[in-house]
PDB file of all heavy atoms in Angstrom:
ATOM      1  N   GLY A   1       0.787  -1.240   0.016  1.00  0.00           N
ATOM      2  CA  GLY A   1       0.002   0.001   0.008  1.00  0.00           C
ATOM      3  C   GLY A   1       0.811   1.266   0.001  1.00  0.00           C
ATOM      4  O   GLY A   1       0.482   2.222  -0.721  1.00  0.00           O
ATOM      5  N   THR A   2       1.894   1.328   0.797  1.00  0.00           N
ATOM      6  CA  THR A   2       2.661   2.568   0.899  1.00  0.00           C
ATOM      7  C   THR A   2       3.976   2.530   0.120  1.00  0.00           C
ATOM      8  O   THR A   2       4.673   3.560   0.051  1.00  0.00           O
ATOM      9  CB  THR A   2       2.978   2.892   2.385  1.00  0.00           C
ATOM     10  OG1 THR A   2       3.684   1.789   2.968  1.00  0.00           O
ATOM     11  CG2 THR A   2       1.688   3.127   3.151  1.00  0.00           C
ATOM     12  N   GLY A   3       4.334   1.412  -0.449  1.00  0.00           N
ATOM     13  CA  GLY A   3       5.527   1.342  -1.313  1.00  0.00           C
ATOM     14  C   GLY A   3       6.828   1.276  -0.517  1.00  0.00           C
ATOM     15  O   GLY A   3       6.886   0.721   0.585  1.00  0.00           O
ATOM     16  N   TYR A   4       7.881   1.850  -1.086  1.00  0.00           N
ATOM     17  CA  TYR A   4       9.201   1.790  -0.484  1.00  0.00           C
ATOM     18  C   TYR A   4       9.233   2.560   0.832  1.00  0.00           C
ATOM     19  O   TYR A   4       8.536   3.571   0.999  1.00  0.00           O
ATOM     20  CB  TYR A   4      10.258   2.337  -1.435  1.00  0.00           C
ATOM     21  CG  TYR A   4      10.537   1.414  -2.594  1.00  0.00           C
ATOM     22  CD1 TYR A   4       9.953   1.650  -3.833  1.00  0.00           C
ATOM     23  CD2 TYR A   4      11.367   0.315  -2.466  1.00  0.00           C
ATOM     24  CE1 TYR A   4      10.186   0.780  -4.907  1.00  0.00           C
ATOM     25  CE2 TYR A   4      11.622  -0.528  -3.532  1.00  0.00           C
ATOM     26  CZ  TYR A   4      11.026  -0.287  -4.741  1.00  0.00           C
ATOM     27  OH  TYR A   4      11.250  -1.151  -5.791  1.00  0.00           O
ATOM     28  N   ILE A   5      10.060   2.081   1.778  1.00  0.00           N
ATOM     29  CA  ILE A   5      10.087   2.656   3.130  1.00  0.00           C
ATOM     30  C   ILE A   5      11.263   3.621   3.299  1.00  0.00           C
ATOM     31  O   ILE A   5      11.530   4.046   4.420  1.00  0.00           O
ATOM     32  CB  ILE A   5      10.152   1.551   4.203  1.00  0.00           C
ATOM     33  CG1 ILE A   5      11.409   0.678   4.019  1.00  0.00           C
ATOM     34  CG2 ILE A   5       8.879   0.709   4.183  1.00  0.00           C
ATOM     35  CD1 ILE A   5      11.593  -0.337   5.137  1.00  0.00           C
ATOM     36  N   TYR A   6      11.927   4.005   2.214  1.00  0.00           N
ATOM     37  CA  TYR A   6      13.017   4.960   2.300  1.00  0.00           C
ATOM     38  C   TYR A   6      12.772   6.113   1.333  1.00  0.00           C
ATOM     39  O   TYR A   6      12.133   5.942   0.290  1.00  0.00           O
ATOM     40  CB  TYR A   6      14.378   4.329   2.017  1.00  0.00           C
ATOM     41  CG  TYR A   6      14.469   3.546   0.739  1.00  0.00           C
ATOM     42  CD1 TYR A   6      14.774   4.193  -0.468  1.00  0.00           C
ATOM     43  CD2 TYR A   6      14.245   2.189   0.705  1.00  0.00           C
ATOM     44  CE1 TYR A   6      14.875   3.494  -1.651  1.00  0.00           C
ATOM     45  CE2 TYR A   6      14.323   1.461  -0.487  1.00  0.00           C
ATOM     46  CZ  TYR A   6      14.656   2.124  -1.651  1.00  0.00           C
ATOM     47  OH  TYR A   6      14.723   1.426  -2.839  1.00  0.00           O
ATOM     48  N   GLU A   7      13.303   7.278   1.680  1.00  0.00           N
ATOM     49  CA  GLU A   7      13.079   8.497   0.866  1.00  0.00           C
ATOM     50  C   GLU A   7      14.112   8.645  -0.235  1.00  0.00           C
ATOM     51  O   GLU A   7      13.794   9.109  -1.338  1.00  0.00           O
ATOM     52  CB  GLU A   7      13.132   9.728   1.789  1.00  0.00           C
ATOM     53  CG  GLU A   7      12.889  11.037   1.085  1.00  0.00           C
ATOM     54  CD  GLU A   7      12.973  12.225   2.014  1.00  0.00           C
ATOM     55  OE1 GLU A   7      12.706  12.047   3.243  1.00  0.00           O
ATOM     56  OE2 GLU A   7      13.320  13.331   1.558  1.00  0.00           O
ATOM     57  N   ILE A   8      15.357   8.250   0.031  1.00  0.00           N
ATOM     58  CA  ILE A   8      16.477   8.408  -0.914  1.00  0.00           C
ATOM     59  C   ILE A   8      17.128   7.048  -1.133  1.00  0.00           C
ATOM     60  O   ILE A   8      17.430   6.331  -0.170  1.00  0.00           O
ATOM     61  CB  ILE A   8      17.503   9.414  -0.378  1.00  0.00           C
ATOM     62  CG1 ILE A   8      16.841  10.757  -0.089  1.00  0.00           C
ATOM     63  CG2 ILE A   8      18.660   9.576  -1.365  1.00  0.00           C
ATOM     64  CD1 ILE A   8      17.744  11.735   0.628  1.00  0.00           C
ATOM     65  N   ASP A   9      17.340   6.662  -2.385  1.00  0.00           N
ATOM     66  CA  ASP A   9      17.937   5.339  -2.633  1.00  0.00           C
ATOM     67  C   ASP A   9      19.448   5.371  -2.533  1.00  0.00           C
ATOM     68  O   ASP A   9      20.045   6.424  -2.252  1.00  0.00           O
ATOM     69  CB  ASP A   9      17.472   4.800  -3.978  1.00  0.00           C
ATOM     70  CG  ASP A   9      18.076   5.531  -5.197  1.00  0.00           C
ATOM     71  OD1 ASP A   9      19.009   6.347  -5.015  1.00  0.00           O
ATOM     72  OD2 ASP A   9      17.585   5.300  -6.312  1.00  0.00           O
ATOM     73  N   GLN A  10      20.077   4.214  -2.771  1.00  0.00           N
ATOM     74  CA  GLN A  10      21.539   4.105  -2.597  1.00  0.00           C
ATOM     75  C   GLN A  10      22.328   4.930  -3.580  1.00  0.00           C
ATOM     76  O   GLN A  10      23.515   5.165  -3.411  1.00  0.00           O
ATOM     77  CB  GLN A  10      21.951   2.635  -2.662  1.00  0.00           C
ATOM     78  CG  GLN A  10      21.903   2.010  -4.048  1.00  0.00           C
ATOM     79  CD  GLN A  10      20.532   1.468  -4.408  1.00  0.00           C
ATOM     80  OE1 GLN A  10      19.527   1.886  -3.851  1.00  0.00           O
ATOM     81  NE2 GLN A  10      20.502   0.514  -5.320  1.00  0.00           N
ATOM     82  N   ASN A  11      21.662   5.400  -4.638  1.00  0.00           N
ATOM     83  CA  ASN A  11      22.325   6.259  -5.651  1.00  0.00           C
ATOM     84  C   ASN A  11      21.977   7.719  -5.466  1.00  0.00           C
ATOM     85  O   ASN A  11      22.202   8.529  -6.364  1.00  0.00           O
ATOM     86  CB  ASN A  11      21.930   5.795  -7.046  1.00  0.00           C
ATOM     87  CG  ASN A  11      22.371   4.374  -7.351  1.00  0.00           C
ATOM     88  OD1 ASN A  11      23.501   3.988  -7.031  1.00  0.00           O
ATOM     89  ND2 ASN A  11      21.465   3.579  -7.892  1.00  0.00           N
ATOM     90  N   ASN A  12      21.420   8.046  -4.271  1.00  0.00           N
ATOM     91  CA  ASN A  12      21.051   9.422  -3.919  1.00  0.00           C
ATOM     92  C   ASN A  12      19.920   9.982  -4.760  1.00  0.00           C
ATOM     93  O   ASN A  12      19.774  11.200  -4.910  1.00  0.00           O
ATOM     94  CB  ASN A  12      22.269  10.340  -3.991  1.00  0.00           C
ATOM     95  CG  ASN A  12      23.291  10.055  -2.905  1.00  0.00           C
ATOM     96  OD1 ASN A  12      22.915   9.826  -1.750  1.00  0.00           O
ATOM     97  ND2 ASN A  12      24.547  10.056  -3.254  1.00  0.00           N
ATOM     98  N   HIS A  13      19.076   9.110  -5.289  1.00  0.00           N
ATOM     99  CA  HIS A  13      17.872   9.562  -6.050  1.00  0.00           C
ATOM    100  C   HIS A  13      16.700   9.606  -5.073  1.00  0.00           C
ATOM    101  O   HIS A  13      16.463   8.656  -4.327  1.00  0.00           O
ATOM    102  CB  HIS A  13      17.581   8.604  -7.188  1.00  0.00           C
ATOM    103  CG  HIS A  13      18.666   8.553  -8.211  1.00  0.00           C
ATOM    104  ND1 HIS A  13      18.974   7.440  -8.950  1.00  0.00           N
ATOM    105  CD2 HIS A  13      19.529   9.517  -8.648  1.00  0.00           C
ATOM    106  CE1 HIS A  13      19.970   7.687  -9.776  1.00  0.00           C
ATOM    107  NE2 HIS A  13      20.325   8.943  -9.606  1.00  0.00           N
ATOM    108  N   ILE A  14      15.947  10.685  -5.112  1.00  0.00           N
ATOM    109  CA  ILE A  14      14.749  10.797  -4.287  1.00  0.00           C
ATOM    110  C   ILE A  14      13.634   9.957  -4.898  1.00  0.00           C
ATOM    111  O   ILE A  14      13.355  10.048  -6.090  1.00  0.00           O
ATOM    112  CB  ILE A  14      14.303  12.278  -4.184  1.00  0.00           C
ATOM    113  CG1 ILE A  14      15.413  13.088  -3.493  1.00  0.00           C
ATOM    114  CG2 ILE A  14      13.000  12.405  -3.405  1.00  0.00           C
ATOM    115  CD1 ILE A  14      15.126  14.565  -3.420  1.00  0.00           C
ATOM    116  N   MET A  15      12.987   9.141  -4.058  1.00  0.00           N
ATOM    117  CA  MET A  15      11.925   8.270  -4.547  1.00  0.00           C
ATOM    118  C   MET A  15      10.675   9.093  -4.856  1.00  0.00           C
ATOM    119  O   MET A  15      10.273   9.941  -4.056  1.00  0.00           O
ATOM    120  CB  MET A  15      11.597   7.226  -3.484  1.00  0.00           C
ATOM    121  CG  MET A  15      12.781   6.353  -3.096  1.00  0.00           C
ATOM    122  SD  MET A  15      13.375   5.339  -4.473  1.00  0.00           S
ATOM    123  CE  MET A  15      12.005   4.191  -4.658  1.00  0.00           C
ATOM    124  N   PRO A  16      10.038   8.855  -6.005  1.00  0.00           N
ATOM    125  CA  PRO A  16       8.798   9.576  -6.334  1.00  0.00           C
ATOM    126  C   PRO A  16       7.649   9.171  -5.390  1.00  0.00           C
ATOM    127  O   PRO A  16       7.643   8.075  -4.848  1.00  0.00           O
ATOM    128  CB  PRO A  16       8.510   9.141  -7.781  1.00  0.00           C
ATOM    129  CG  PRO A  16       9.224   7.829  -7.928  1.00  0.00           C
ATOM    130  CD  PRO A  16      10.431   7.898  -7.064  1.00  0.00           C
ATOM    131  N   HIS A  17       6.710  10.074  -5.235  1.00  0.00           N
ATOM    132  CA  HIS A  17       5.595   9.850  -4.312  1.00  0.00           C
ATOM    133  C   HIS A  17       4.812   8.597  -4.668  1.00  0.00           C
ATOM    134  O   HIS A  17       4.284   7.905  -3.762  1.00  0.00           O
ATOM    135  CB  HIS A  17       4.675  11.065  -4.264  1.00  0.00           C
ATOM    136  CG  HIS A  17       3.544  10.926  -3.284  1.00  0.00           C
ATOM    137  ND1 HIS A  17       3.747  10.989  -1.906  1.00  0.00           N
ATOM    138  CD2 HIS A  17       2.213  10.714  -3.475  1.00  0.00           C
ATOM    139  CE1 HIS A  17       2.582  10.822  -1.310  1.00  0.00           C
ATOM    140  NE2 HIS A  17       1.636  10.656  -2.205  1.00  0.00           N
ATOM    141  N   GLU A  18       4.690   8.289  -5.949  1.00  0.00           N
ATOM    142  CA  GLU A  18       3.902   7.128  -6.328  1.00  0.00           C
ATOM    143  C   GLU A  18       4.621   5.811  -6.020  1.00  0.00           C
ATOM    144  O   GLU A  18       4.036   4.732  -6.136  1.00  0.00           O
ATOM    145  CB  GLU A  18       3.552   7.178  -7.823  1.00  0.00           C
ATOM    146  CG  GLU A  18       4.728   7.153  -8.781  1.00  0.00           C
ATOM    147  CD  GLU A  18       5.256   8.553  -9.100  1.00  0.00           C
ATOM    148  OE1 GLU A  18       4.896   9.495  -8.361  1.00  0.00           O
ATOM    149  OE2 GLU A  18       5.973   8.677 -10.109  1.00  0.00           O
ATOM    150  N   LYS A  19       5.884   5.903  -5.629  1.00  0.00           N
ATOM    151  CA  LYS A  19       6.657   4.708  -5.243  1.00  0.00           C
ATOM    152  C   LYS A  19       6.892   4.619  -3.720  1.00  0.00           C
ATOM    153  O   LYS A  19       7.118   3.513  -3.197  1.00  0.00           O
ATOM    154  CB  LYS A  19       8.017   4.700  -5.943  1.00  0.00           C
ATOM    155  CG  LYS A  19       7.950   4.556  -7.452  1.00  0.00           C
ATOM    156  CD  LYS A  19       7.561   3.150  -7.849  1.00  0.00           C
ATOM    157  CE  LYS A  19       7.586   2.963  -9.353  1.00  0.00           C
ATOM    158  NZ  LYS A  19       7.191   1.584  -9.732  1.00  0.00           N
ATOM    159  N   ALA A  20       6.848   5.756  -3.051  1.00  0.00           N
ATOM    160  CA  ALA A  20       7.139   5.775  -1.614  1.00  0.00           C
ATOM    161  C   ALA A  20       6.290   6.846  -0.933  1.00  0.00           C
ATOM    162  O   ALA A  20       6.550   8.037  -1.110  1.00  0.00           O
ATOM    163  CB  ALA A  20       8.619   6.039  -1.387  1.00  0.00           C
ATOM    164  N   ARG A  21       5.290   6.427  -0.179  1.00  0.00           N
ATOM    165  CA  ARG A  21       4.410   7.355   0.513  1.00  0.00           C
ATOM    166  C   ARG A  21       4.738   7.375   1.983  1.00  0.00           C
ATOM    167  O   ARG A  21       4.682   6.391   2.678  1.00  0.00           O
ATOM    168  CB  ARG A  21       2.945   6.961   0.296  1.00  0.00           C
ATOM    169  CG  ARG A  21       1.962   7.880   0.965  1.00  0.00           C
ATOM    170  CD  ARG A  21       0.579   7.752   0.384  1.00  0.00           C
ATOM    171  NE  ARG A  21       0.141   6.383   0.249  1.00  0.00           N
ATOM    172  CZ  ARG A  21      -0.365   5.656   1.261  1.00  0.00           C
ATOM    173  NH1 ARG A  21      -0.462   6.178   2.459  1.00  0.00           N
ATOM    174  NH2 ARG A  21      -0.771   4.423   1.057  1.00  0.00           N
ATOM    175  N   GLU A  22       5.187   8.556   2.458  1.00  0.00           N
ATOM    176  CA  GLU A  22       5.553   8.785   3.859  1.00  0.00           C
ATOM    177  C   GLU A  22       6.549   7.726   4.353  1.00  0.00           C
ATOM    178  O   GLU A  22       6.303   7.059   5.356  1.00  0.00           O
ATOM    179  CB  GLU A  22       4.300   8.816   4.736  1.00  0.00           C
ATOM    180  CG  GLU A  22       3.334   9.916   4.376  1.00  0.00           C
ATOM    181  CD  GLU A  22       2.091   9.948   5.260  1.00  0.00           C
ATOM    182  OE1 GLU A  22       2.001   9.056   6.154  1.00  0.00           O
ATOM    183  OE2 GLU A  22       1.239  10.810   5.058  1.00  0.00           O
ATOM    184  N   PRO A  23       7.706   7.585   3.692  1.00  0.00           N
ATOM    185  CA  PRO A  23       8.693   6.598   4.133  1.00  0.00           C
ATOM    186  C   PRO A  23       9.271   6.943   5.487  1.00  0.00           C
ATOM    187  O   PRO A  23       9.523   8.123   5.776  1.00  0.00           O
ATOM    188  CB  PRO A  23       9.740   6.633   3.035  1.00  0.00           C
ATOM    189  CG  PRO A  23       9.635   8.006   2.447  1.00  0.00           C
ATOM    190  CD  PRO A  23       8.179   8.346   2.527  1.00  0.00           C
ATOM    191  N   TYR A  24       9.574   5.933   6.307  1.00  0.00           N
ATOM    192  CA  TYR A  24      10.113   6.155   7.632  1.00  0.00           C
ATOM    193  C   TYR A  24      11.611   6.422   7.620  1.00  0.00           C
ATOM    194  O   TYR A  24      12.130   7.228   8.380  1.00  0.00           O
ATOM    195  CB  TYR A  24       9.808   4.962   8.554  1.00  0.00           C
ATOM    196  CG  TYR A  24      10.271   5.156   9.968  1.00  0.00           C
ATOM    197  CD1 TYR A  24       9.554   6.002  10.843  1.00  0.00           C
ATOM    198  CD2 TYR A  24      11.439   4.541  10.444  1.00  0.00           C
ATOM    199  CE1 TYR A  24       9.989   6.191  12.148  1.00  0.00           C
ATOM    200  CE2 TYR A  24      11.872   4.755  11.748  1.00  0.00           C
ATOM    201  CZ  TYR A  24      11.144   5.566  12.582  1.00  0.00           C
ATOM    202  OH  TYR A  24      11.572   5.776  13.871  1.00  0.00           O
ATOM    203  N   TYR A  25      12.322   5.720   6.735  1.00  0.00           N
ATOM    204  CA  TYR A  25      13.779   5.835   6.692  1.00  0.00           C
ATOM    205  C   TYR A  25      14.213   6.898   5.699  1.00  0.00           C
ATOM    206  O   TYR A  25      13.640   6.982   4.598  1.00  0.00           O
ATOM    207  CB  TYR A  25      14.423   4.485   6.341  1.00  0.00           C
ATOM    208  CG  TYR A  25      14.170   3.444   7.410  1.00  0.00           C
ATOM    209  CD1 TYR A  25      13.074   2.585   7.312  1.00  0.00           C
ATOM    210  CD2 TYR A  25      14.995   3.350   8.525  1.00  0.00           C
ATOM    211  CE1 TYR A  25      12.828   1.651   8.309  1.00  0.00           C
ATOM    212  CE2 TYR A  25      14.750   2.421   9.505  1.00  0.00           C
ATOM    213  CZ  TYR A  25      13.661   1.581   9.405  1.00  0.00           C
ATOM    214  OH  TYR A  25      13.410   0.673  10.372  1.00  0.00           O
ATOM    215  N   LYS A  26      15.201   7.659   6.060  1.00  0.00           N
ATOM    216  CA  LYS A  26      15.664   8.760   5.199  1.00  0.00           C
ATOM    217  C   LYS A  26      16.399   8.215   3.983  1.00  0.00           C
ATOM    218  O   LYS A  26      16.144   8.647   2.864  1.00  0.00           O
ATOM    219  CB  LYS A  26      16.588   9.669   6.003  1.00  0.00           C
ATOM    220  CG  LYS A  26      17.039  10.923   5.205  1.00  0.00           C
ATOM    221  CD  LYS A  26      15.889  11.862   4.947  1.00  0.00           C
ATOM    222  CE  LYS A  26      16.343  13.142   4.295  1.00  0.00           C
ATOM    223  NZ  LYS A  26      15.204  14.076   4.077  1.00  0.00           N
ATOM    224  N   LYS A  27      17.338   7.283   4.190  1.00  0.00           N
ATOM    225  CA  LYS A  27      18.202   6.883   3.087  1.00  0.00           C
ATOM    226  C   LYS A  27      18.501   5.393   3.120  1.00  0.00           C
ATOM    227  O   LYS A  27      18.761   4.816   4.193  1.00  0.00           O
ATOM    228  CB  LYS A  27      19.505   7.682   3.142  1.00  0.00           C
ATOM    229  CG  LYS A  27      20.465   7.409   1.955  1.00  0.00           C
ATOM    230  CD  LYS A  27      21.618   8.346   1.951  1.00  0.00           C
ATOM    231  CE  LYS A  27      22.590   8.175   0.818  1.00  0.00           C
ATOM    232  NZ  LYS A  27      22.383   7.184  -0.175  1.00  0.00           N
ATOM    233  N   LEU A  28      18.480   4.750   1.951  1.00  0.00           N
ATOM    234  CA  LEU A  28      18.975   3.411   1.767  1.00  0.00           C
ATOM    235  C   LEU A  28      20.493   3.530   1.544  1.00  0.00           C
ATOM    236  O   LEU A  28      20.917   3.960   0.472  1.00  0.00           O
ATOM    237  CB  LEU A  28      18.289   2.747   0.578  1.00  0.00           C
ATOM    238  CG  LEU A  28      18.736   1.328   0.233  1.00  0.00           C
ATOM    239  CD1 LEU A  28      18.300   0.339   1.324  1.00  0.00           C
ATOM    240  CD2 LEU A  28      18.174   0.877  -1.106  1.00  0.00           C
ATOM    241  N   VAL A  29      21.279   3.127   2.513  1.00  0.00           N
ATOM    242  CA  VAL A  29      22.723   3.357   2.411  1.00  0.00           C
ATOM    243  C   VAL A  29      23.457   2.200   1.754  1.00  0.00           C
ATOM    244  O   VAL A  29      24.605   2.354   1.314  1.00  0.00           O
ATOM    245  CB  VAL A  29      23.351   3.643   3.805  1.00  0.00           C
ATOM    246  CG1 VAL A  29      22.774   4.923   4.377  1.00  0.00           C
ATOM    247  CG2 VAL A  29      23.122   2.462   4.754  1.00  0.00           C
ATOM    248  N   TYR A  30      22.814   1.037   1.682  1.00  0.00           N
ATOM    249  CA  TYR A  30      23.480  -0.118   1.052  1.00  0.00           C
ATOM    250  C   TYR A  30      22.419  -1.105   0.598  1.00  0.00           C
ATOM    251  O   TYR A  30      21.401  -1.323   1.264  1.00  0.00           O
ATOM    252  CB  TYR A  30      24.443  -0.816   2.014  1.00  0.00           C
ATOM    253  CG  TYR A  30      25.308  -1.868   1.344  1.00  0.00           C
ATOM    254  CD1 TYR A  30      26.459  -1.532   0.671  1.00  0.00           C
ATOM    255  CD2 TYR A  30      24.922  -3.201   1.361  1.00  0.00           C
ATOM    256  CE1 TYR A  30      27.260  -2.484   0.038  1.00  0.00           C
ATOM    257  CE2 TYR A  30      25.691  -4.170   0.727  1.00  0.00           C
ATOM    258  CZ  TYR A  30      26.852  -3.819   0.070  1.00  0.00           C
ATOM    259  OH  TYR A  30      27.620  -4.753  -0.574  1.00  0.00           O
ATOM    260  N   ARG A  31      22.683  -1.746  -0.573  1.00  0.00           N
ATOM    261  CA  ARG A  31      21.752  -2.741  -1.105  1.00  0.00           C
ATOM    262  C   ARG A  31      22.533  -3.824  -1.826  1.00  0.00           C
ATOM    263  O   ARG A  31      23.453  -3.569  -2.609  1.00  0.00           O
ATOM    264  CB  ARG A  31      20.792  -2.111  -2.089  1.00  0.00           C
ATOM    265  CG  ARG A  31      19.831  -3.129  -2.726  1.00  0.00           C
ATOM    266  CD  ARG A  31      19.016  -2.538  -3.858  1.00  0.00           C
ATOM    267  NE  ARG A  31      18.045  -3.515  -4.344  1.00  0.00           N
ATOM    268  CZ  ARG A  31      18.339  -4.463  -5.209  1.00  0.00           C
ATOM    269  NH1 ARG A  31      19.554  -4.553  -5.759  1.00  0.00           N
ATOM    270  NH2 ARG A  31      17.398  -5.325  -5.601  1.00  0.00           N
ATOM    271  N   ILE A  32      22.150  -5.086  -1.562  1.00  0.00           N
ATOM    272  CA  ILE A  32      22.604  -6.196  -2.386  1.00  0.00           C
ATOM    273  C   ILE A  32      21.449  -7.189  -2.529  1.00  0.00           C
ATOM    274  O   ILE A  32      20.842  -7.573  -1.531  1.00  0.00           O
ATOM    275  CB  ILE A  32      23.880  -6.892  -1.818  1.00  0.00           C
ATOM    276  CG1 ILE A  32      24.434  -7.902  -2.823  1.00  0.00           C
ATOM    277  CG2 ILE A  32      23.630  -7.497  -0.455  1.00  0.00           C
ATOM    278  CD1 ILE A  32      25.848  -8.324  -2.551  1.00  0.00           C
ATOM    279  N   GLY A  33      21.093  -7.507  -3.759  1.00  0.00           N
ATOM    280  CA  GLY A  33      19.916  -8.329  -4.026  1.00  0.00           C
ATOM    281  C   GLY A  33      20.240  -9.793  -4.150  1.00  0.00           C
ATOM    282  O   GLY A  33      21.406 -10.230  -4.216  1.00  0.00           O
ATOM    283  N   ALA A  34      19.155 -10.605  -4.205  1.00  0.00           N
ATOM    284  CA  ALA A  34      19.320 -12.070  -4.299  1.00  0.00           C
ATOM    285  C   ALA A  34      19.994 -12.477  -5.591  1.00  0.00           C
ATOM    286  O   ALA A  34      20.796 -13.425  -5.605  1.00  0.00           O
ATOM    287  CB  ALA A  34      17.950 -12.737  -4.183  1.00  0.00           C
ATOM    288  N   ASP A  35      19.713 -11.754  -6.661  1.00  0.00           N
ATOM    289  CA  ASP A  35      20.326 -12.107  -7.953  1.00  0.00           C
ATOM    290  C   ASP A  35      21.841 -11.990  -7.878  1.00  0.00           C
ATOM    291  O   ASP A  35      22.581 -12.835  -8.407  1.00  0.00           O
ATOM    292  CB  ASP A  35      19.755 -11.265  -9.082  1.00  0.00           C
ATOM    293  CG  ASP A  35      19.663  -9.788  -8.748  1.00  0.00           C
ATOM    294  OD1 ASP A  35      20.033  -9.394  -7.611  1.00  0.00           O
ATOM    295  OD2 ASP A  35      19.226  -9.018  -9.618  1.00  0.00           O
TER     296      ASP A  35
END
């Protein structure tokens, strides 16, 4: 329902409102995926 829980991704891009509504965390500082 509310999308991503961070406001800024690991590349310093601000998440658009349609992807992240009222995120709790300011910044995703690190990411590594299953792939």
